[in-house]
Each structure stands twice: as C-alpha cells, then as structure tokens.
C-alpha atoms as a PDB file:
ATOM      1  CA  MET A   1       0.000   0.000   0.000  1.00  0.00           C
ATOM      2  CA  ILE A   2       1.240   3.479  -0.918  1.00  0.00           C
ATOM      3  CA  GLN A   3       0.047   6.602   0.886  1.00  0.00           C
ATOM      4  CA  VAL A   4       0.682  10.080  -0.467  1.00  0.00           C
ATOM      5  CA  LYS A   5      -0.125  13.445   1.114  1.00  0.00           C
ATOM      6  CA  THR A   6      -1.617  15.758  -1.518  1.00  0.00           C
ATOM      7  CA  SER A   7      -2.789  19.343  -1.877  1.00  0.00           C
ATOM      8  CA  ALA A   8      -6.151  18.323  -3.386  1.00  0.00           C
ATOM      9  CA  LYS A   9      -9.118  20.322  -2.087  1.00  0.00           C
ATOM     10  CA  CYS A  10     -12.257  19.265  -3.964  1.00  0.00           C
ATOM     11  CA  ALA A  11     -13.887  16.671  -6.197  1.00  0.00           C
ATOM     12  CA  GLY A  12     -12.518  18.477  -9.249  1.00  0.00           C
ATOM     13  CA  CYS A  13      -9.003  18.022  -7.860  1.00  0.00           C
ATOM     14  CA  VAL A  14      -9.677  14.325  -7.345  1.00  0.00           C
ATOM     15  CA  ALA A  15     -10.885  14.059 -10.950  1.00  0.00           C
ATOM     16  CA  LYS A  16      -7.691  15.700 -12.276  1.00  0.00           C
ATOM     17  CA  ILE A  17      -5.493  13.403 -10.206  1.00  0.00           C
ATOM     18  CA  GLY A  18      -7.641  10.463 -11.287  1.00  0.00           C
ATOM     19  CA  GLU A  19      -7.019  11.251 -14.961  1.00  0.00           C
ATOM     20  CA  GLN A  20      -3.315  10.721 -14.331  1.00  0.00           C
ATOM     21  CA  LEU A  21      -3.655   7.685 -12.056  1.00  0.00           C
ATOM     22  CA  ASN A  22      -6.124   5.923 -14.350  1.00  0.00           C
ATOM     23  CA  GLN A  23      -3.466   5.782 -17.062  1.00  0.00           C
ATOM     24  CA  PHE A  24      -1.752   2.979 -15.113  1.00  0.00           C
ATOM     25  CA  LEU A  25      -4.219   2.019 -12.357  1.00  0.00           C
ATOM     26  CA  THR A  26      -7.867   1.016 -12.277  1.00  0.00           C
ATOM     27  CA  PRO A  27     -10.244   3.255 -10.278  1.00  0.00           C
ATOM     28  CA  ASP A  28     -10.696   0.569  -7.620  1.00  0.00           C
ATOM     29  CA  GLN A  29      -6.936   0.549  -6.896  1.00  0.00           C
ATOM     30  CA  TRP A  30      -6.822   4.065  -5.460  1.00  0.00           C
ATOM     31  CA  SER A  31      -8.822   6.427  -3.267  1.00  0.00           C
ATOM     32  CA  LEU A  32      -8.337   9.999  -2.104  1.00  0.00           C
ATOM     33  CA  ASP A  33      -9.713  11.008   1.285  1.00  0.00           C
ATOM     34  CA  LEU A  34     -10.371  14.763   1.328  1.00  0.00           C
ATOM     35  CA  SER A  35     -11.675  14.606   4.911  1.00  0.00           C
ATOM     36  CA  THR A  36      -8.187  14.053   6.362  1.00  0.00           C
ATOM     37  CA  PRO A  37      -5.814  16.983   7.009  1.00  0.00           C
ATOM     38  CA  ASP A  38      -3.230  15.360   4.705  1.00  0.00           C
ATOM     39  CA  LYS A  39      -5.753  14.824   1.855  1.00  0.00           C
ATOM     40  CA  LEU A  40      -4.462  11.277   1.746  1.00  0.00           C
ATOM     41  CA  LEU A  41      -4.217   9.323  -1.486  1.00  0.00           C
ATOM     42  CA  THR A  42      -4.078   5.565  -0.897  1.00  0.00           C
ATOM     43  CA  VAL A  43      -2.988   3.193  -3.669  1.00  0.00           C
ATOM     44  CA  ASN A  44      -3.404  -0.579  -3.372  1.00  0.00           C
ATOM     45  CA  ALA A  45      -1.374  -1.792  -6.327  1.00  0.00           C
ATOM     46  CA  ASP A  46       2.086  -3.073  -7.121  1.00  0.00           C
ATOM     47  CA  VAL A  47       3.502   0.092  -8.698  1.00  0.00           C
ATOM     48  CA  PRO A  48       6.523   2.211  -7.758  1.00  0.00           C
ATOM     49  CA  ALA A  49       5.628   4.863  -5.187  1.00  0.00           C
ATOM     50  CA  GLU A  50       7.530   7.465  -7.180  1.00  0.00           C
ATOM     51  CA  ARG A  51       5.257   6.831 -10.167  1.00  0.00           C
ATOM     52  CA  VAL A  52       2.219   7.671  -8.025  1.00  0.00           C
ATOM     53  CA  VAL A  53       3.895  10.849  -6.720  1.00  0.00           C
ATOM     54  CA  ASP A  54       4.836  11.862 -10.273  1.00  0.00           C
ATOM     55  CA  ALA A  55       1.239  11.340 -11.440  1.00  0.00           C
ATOM     56  CA  VAL A  56      -0.139  13.616  -8.702  1.00  0.00           C
ATOM     57  CA  ARG A  57       2.454  16.273  -9.552  1.00  0.00           C
ATOM     58  CA  ALA A  58       1.676  15.933 -13.266  1.00  0.00           C
ATOM     59  CA  ALA A  59      -1.946  16.773 -12.407  1.00  0.00           C
ATOM     60  CA  GLY A  60      -0.687  20.019 -10.852  1.00  0.00           C
ATOM     61  CA  PHE A  61      -0.756  19.156  -7.136  1.00  0.00           C
ATOM     62  CA  LYS A  62       1.784  18.779  -4.379  1.00  0.00           C
ATOM     63  CA  ALA A  63       2.584  15.186  -3.427  1.00  0.00           C
ATOM     64  CA  GLU A  64       4.671  13.766  -0.631  1.00  0.00           C
ATOM     65  CA  LEU A  65       5.072  10.142   0.416  1.00  0.00           C
ATOM     66  CA  ARG A  66       3.734   9.429   3.873  1.00  0.00           C
END
C-alpha cells in the first residue's frame, strides 16, 4: 500500500489526479480522502511509489510520500 499526502481540495481536484492515475491504475486501486488533514491518497497496487507521486504532480498538485 502506498500513501501520499496531496494538496487536493475538492472533487474536481480528485478528478484531475484520477485522470493521471487511471493511465496505469484502475479506479478501484486508489482512493483519495479529502476529509483528512493530509488529503491522503491511498494506492493498493504493485507500482513504484515514485510513479504515483509523479502522477499527482503531473496533475498540478503537491505530493509527498507518507
């Protein structure tokens, strides 16, 4: 499991991040919890953590491994 702190704020942010993640993950492999202070993205897949971080950054958001 990979957890990434993000700067996402709304459903539109989640959609933008999802566009990037869905290029190499299926929608059921990740979730983004906007109710946590860290806006935590959780990925349950066998992919490099750095690839997930890069995808969030490519969508225009801050990303930091937790």
